[in-house]
Amino acid sequence: MPKLSRVSGEKAIRALEQLGFVQVRQRGSHVVLKRQTPEGEVGCVVPLHRELAIGTLRGILRQARVTPDEFMENLR
C-alpha cells in the first residue's frame, strides 16, 4: 500500500474530480461528491480542511471506492 501524503480538502476534491467525481452539494465545510459506476452511484464526503488527517483521507477513499494508488496518481 502506498504511503498517502497529507493533502488539503481542496486538493483531495481535485484528485477525485480527475477520477470522475462531480460535486453535488456543499453544507458548511463539507462537500459531497458522486460518480456513476456500473454497480450504481458512489459518493463520498470531503471536509474542506487545510490538511486532512491520514485516517480521514483513508476513510474518504474507502467511501469513494478508490485505491490509494489511483488517488496518488491523480494528485497534482
N, C-alpha and C. Protein backbone atom coordinates (compact mmCIF):
# COMPACT_ATOMS: atom_id res chain seq x y z
N MET A 1 0.84 -1.18 0.00
CA MET A 1 0.00 0.00 0.00
C MET A 1 0.89 1.24 0.00
N PRO A 2 0.63 2.18 -0.93
CA PRO A 2 1.48 3.36 -1.00
C PRO A 2 1.24 4.28 0.18
N LYS A 3 2.25 5.03 0.49
CA LYS A 3 2.13 5.99 1.59
C LYS A 3 1.32 7.19 1.10
N LEU A 4 0.23 7.46 1.77
CA LEU A 4 -0.58 8.62 1.43
C LEU A 4 0.06 9.86 2.01
N SER A 5 0.09 10.90 1.23
CA SER A 5 0.64 12.16 1.75
C SER A 5 -0.50 13.01 2.27
N ARG A 6 -0.18 13.89 3.20
CA ARG A 6 -1.20 14.79 3.74
C ARG A 6 -1.53 15.83 2.68
N VAL A 7 -2.82 15.98 2.42
CA VAL A 7 -3.27 16.94 1.41
C VAL A 7 -4.41 17.76 2.00
N SER A 8 -4.70 18.87 1.36
CA SER A 8 -5.84 19.69 1.80
C SER A 8 -7.12 19.09 1.24
N GLY A 9 -8.24 19.51 1.77
CA GLY A 9 -9.52 19.05 1.26
C GLY A 9 -9.72 19.44 -0.20
N GLU A 10 -9.26 20.64 -0.56
CA GLU A 10 -9.40 21.11 -1.95
C GLU A 10 -8.60 20.25 -2.92
N LYS A 11 -7.37 19.87 -2.52
CA LYS A 11 -6.55 19.02 -3.39
C LYS A 11 -7.18 17.64 -3.53
N ALA A 12 -7.74 17.12 -2.45
CA ALA A 12 -8.40 15.82 -2.49
C ALA A 12 -9.60 15.87 -3.44
N ILE A 13 -10.36 16.95 -3.39
CA ILE A 13 -11.51 17.11 -4.27
C ILE A 13 -11.06 17.16 -5.73
N ARG A 14 -9.99 17.91 -6.02
CA ARG A 14 -9.48 17.99 -7.39
C ARG A 14 -9.06 16.61 -7.90
N ALA A 15 -8.38 15.83 -7.06
CA ALA A 15 -7.95 14.49 -7.46
C ALA A 15 -9.16 13.59 -7.72
N LEU A 16 -10.18 13.68 -6.87
CA LEU A 16 -11.38 12.86 -7.06
C LEU A 16 -12.14 13.29 -8.31
N GLU A 17 -12.13 14.58 -8.62
CA GLU A 17 -12.78 15.05 -9.84
C GLU A 17 -12.06 14.49 -11.08
N GLN A 18 -10.74 14.34 -11.00
CA GLN A 18 -9.99 13.72 -12.08
C GLN A 18 -10.42 12.27 -12.30
N LEU A 19 -10.91 11.64 -11.24
CA LEU A 19 -11.36 10.25 -11.30
C LEU A 19 -12.83 10.13 -11.67
N GLY A 20 -13.47 11.25 -12.02
CA GLY A 20 -14.85 11.20 -12.49
C GLY A 20 -15.91 11.63 -11.50
N PHE A 21 -15.52 12.08 -10.32
CA PHE A 21 -16.49 12.54 -9.33
C PHE A 21 -16.95 13.95 -9.67
N VAL A 22 -18.17 14.26 -9.28
CA VAL A 22 -18.76 15.58 -9.51
C VAL A 22 -19.27 16.11 -8.17
N GLN A 23 -19.06 17.39 -7.92
CA GLN A 23 -19.58 18.00 -6.70
C GLN A 23 -21.09 18.10 -6.81
N VAL A 24 -21.79 17.53 -5.84
CA VAL A 24 -23.25 17.54 -5.86
C VAL A 24 -23.78 18.67 -4.99
N ARG A 25 -23.21 18.81 -3.80
CA ARG A 25 -23.66 19.87 -2.90
C ARG A 25 -22.60 20.13 -1.84
N GLN A 26 -22.82 21.20 -1.10
CA GLN A 26 -21.91 21.56 -0.01
C GLN A 26 -22.75 22.08 1.14
N ARG A 27 -22.40 21.66 2.33
CA ARG A 27 -23.06 22.19 3.52
C ARG A 27 -21.96 22.59 4.50
N GLY A 28 -21.79 23.87 4.69
CA GLY A 28 -20.72 24.34 5.55
C GLY A 28 -19.37 24.01 4.93
N SER A 29 -18.56 23.29 5.67
CA SER A 29 -17.22 22.97 5.18
C SER A 29 -17.12 21.55 4.63
N HIS A 30 -18.25 20.90 4.35
CA HIS A 30 -18.23 19.54 3.83
C HIS A 30 -18.84 19.50 2.42
N VAL A 31 -18.08 18.90 1.49
CA VAL A 31 -18.51 18.81 0.09
C VAL A 31 -18.87 17.36 -0.20
N VAL A 32 -20.01 17.15 -0.85
CA VAL A 32 -20.46 15.82 -1.23
C VAL A 32 -20.15 15.63 -2.71
N LEU A 33 -19.44 14.53 -3.02
CA LEU A 33 -19.08 14.20 -4.40
C LEU A 33 -19.72 12.87 -4.77
N LYS A 34 -20.09 12.72 -6.04
CA LYS A 34 -20.67 11.46 -6.51
C LYS A 34 -20.16 11.15 -7.90
N ARG A 35 -20.21 9.85 -8.26
CA ARG A 35 -19.94 9.44 -9.63
C ARG A 35 -20.73 8.18 -9.92
N GLN A 36 -21.04 8.00 -11.19
CA GLN A 36 -21.78 6.81 -11.63
C GLN A 36 -20.79 5.70 -11.96
N THR A 37 -21.09 4.49 -11.50
CA THR A 37 -20.30 3.31 -11.84
C THR A 37 -21.26 2.26 -12.38
N PRO A 38 -20.76 1.21 -12.99
CA PRO A 38 -21.65 0.14 -13.47
C PRO A 38 -22.47 -0.48 -12.33
N GLU A 39 -21.94 -0.48 -11.11
CA GLU A 39 -22.66 -1.04 -9.96
C GLU A 39 -23.68 -0.07 -9.39
N GLY A 40 -23.62 1.20 -9.77
CA GLY A 40 -24.53 2.22 -9.24
C GLY A 40 -23.77 3.48 -8.88
N GLU A 41 -24.43 4.34 -8.13
CA GLU A 41 -23.83 5.61 -7.74
C GLU A 41 -22.95 5.45 -6.51
N VAL A 42 -21.79 6.07 -6.55
CA VAL A 42 -20.85 6.04 -5.42
C VAL A 42 -20.63 7.47 -4.97
N GLY A 43 -20.66 7.69 -3.67
CA GLY A 43 -20.47 9.03 -3.17
C GLY A 43 -19.51 9.08 -1.99
N CYS A 44 -19.03 10.28 -1.70
CA CYS A 44 -18.17 10.48 -0.55
C CYS A 44 -18.29 11.92 -0.08
N VAL A 45 -17.88 12.16 1.15
CA VAL A 45 -17.93 13.49 1.76
C VAL A 45 -16.51 13.91 2.10
N VAL A 46 -16.11 15.10 1.64
CA VAL A 46 -14.76 15.60 1.88
C VAL A 46 -14.85 16.91 2.67
N PRO A 47 -14.22 16.96 3.85
CA PRO A 47 -14.20 18.23 4.60
C PRO A 47 -13.17 19.17 4.00
N LEU A 48 -13.48 20.44 3.97
CA LEU A 48 -12.57 21.44 3.41
C LEU A 48 -11.58 21.92 4.46
N HIS A 49 -10.78 21.01 4.97
CA HIS A 49 -9.77 21.36 5.95
C HIS A 49 -8.47 21.72 5.25
N ARG A 50 -7.63 22.47 5.93
CA ARG A 50 -6.33 22.85 5.38
C ARG A 50 -5.46 21.62 5.15
N GLU A 51 -5.56 20.67 6.07
CA GLU A 51 -4.79 19.43 5.97
C GLU A 51 -5.65 18.29 6.50
N LEU A 52 -5.89 17.28 5.66
CA LEU A 52 -6.69 16.13 6.08
C LEU A 52 -5.81 15.14 6.82
N ALA A 53 -6.30 14.60 7.91
CA ALA A 53 -5.58 13.54 8.62
C ALA A 53 -5.55 12.31 7.72
N ILE A 54 -4.51 11.50 7.85
CA ILE A 54 -4.35 10.32 7.01
C ILE A 54 -5.54 9.37 7.19
N GLY A 55 -5.99 9.19 8.41
CA GLY A 55 -7.14 8.31 8.66
C GLY A 55 -8.41 8.83 8.00
N THR A 56 -8.59 10.14 8.01
CA THR A 56 -9.75 10.75 7.35
C THR A 56 -9.66 10.53 5.85
N LEU A 57 -8.47 10.72 5.28
CA LEU A 57 -8.28 10.51 3.84
C LEU A 57 -8.55 9.06 3.47
N ARG A 58 -8.07 8.12 4.27
CA ARG A 58 -8.33 6.69 4.01
C ARG A 58 -9.83 6.41 4.03
N GLY A 59 -10.54 7.01 4.99
CA GLY A 59 -12.00 6.84 5.06
C GLY A 59 -12.70 7.38 3.83
N ILE A 60 -12.25 8.53 3.35
CA ILE A 60 -12.83 9.14 2.15
C ILE A 60 -12.61 8.21 0.96
N LEU A 61 -11.39 7.69 0.82
CA LEU A 61 -11.09 6.80 -0.30
C LEU A 61 -11.89 5.51 -0.22
N ARG A 62 -12.08 5.00 0.99
CA ARG A 62 -12.89 3.79 1.18
C ARG A 62 -14.33 4.06 0.76
N GLN A 63 -14.88 5.20 1.18
CA GLN A 63 -16.24 5.60 0.80
C GLN A 63 -16.37 5.72 -0.71
N ALA A 64 -15.35 6.30 -1.34
CA ALA A 64 -15.38 6.56 -2.78
C ALA A 64 -15.02 5.33 -3.60
N ARG A 65 -14.58 4.27 -2.93
CA ARG A 65 -14.12 3.04 -3.60
C ARG A 65 -12.99 3.34 -4.59
N VAL A 66 -12.03 4.11 -4.10
CA VAL A 66 -10.84 4.49 -4.88
C VAL A 66 -9.63 3.95 -4.13
N THR A 67 -8.70 3.33 -4.86
CA THR A 67 -7.49 2.82 -4.21
C THR A 67 -6.53 3.97 -3.95
N PRO A 68 -5.68 3.83 -2.93
CA PRO A 68 -4.67 4.87 -2.70
C PRO A 68 -3.78 5.10 -3.92
N ASP A 69 -3.49 4.03 -4.68
CA ASP A 69 -2.68 4.18 -5.90
C ASP A 69 -3.35 5.11 -6.90
N GLU A 70 -4.64 4.86 -7.17
CA GLU A 70 -5.39 5.70 -8.10
C GLU A 70 -5.39 7.15 -7.63
N PHE A 71 -5.63 7.33 -6.35
CA PHE A 71 -5.70 8.68 -5.80
C PHE A 71 -4.37 9.41 -5.95
N MET A 72 -3.26 8.75 -5.59
CA MET A 72 -1.95 9.39 -5.65
C MET A 72 -1.55 9.72 -7.08
N GLU A 73 -1.96 8.90 -8.07
CA GLU A 73 -1.67 9.16 -9.46
C GLU A 73 -2.37 10.42 -9.96
N ASN A 74 -3.57 10.69 -9.44
CA ASN A 74 -4.36 11.84 -9.89
C ASN A 74 -4.16 13.08 -9.04
N LEU A 75 -3.29 12.99 -8.06
CA LEU A 75 -3.00 14.14 -7.21
C LEU A 75 -2.03 15.07 -7.93
N ARG A 76 -2.38 16.35 -8.00
CA ARG A 76 -1.48 17.30 -8.67
C ARG A 76 -0.86 18.21 -7.65
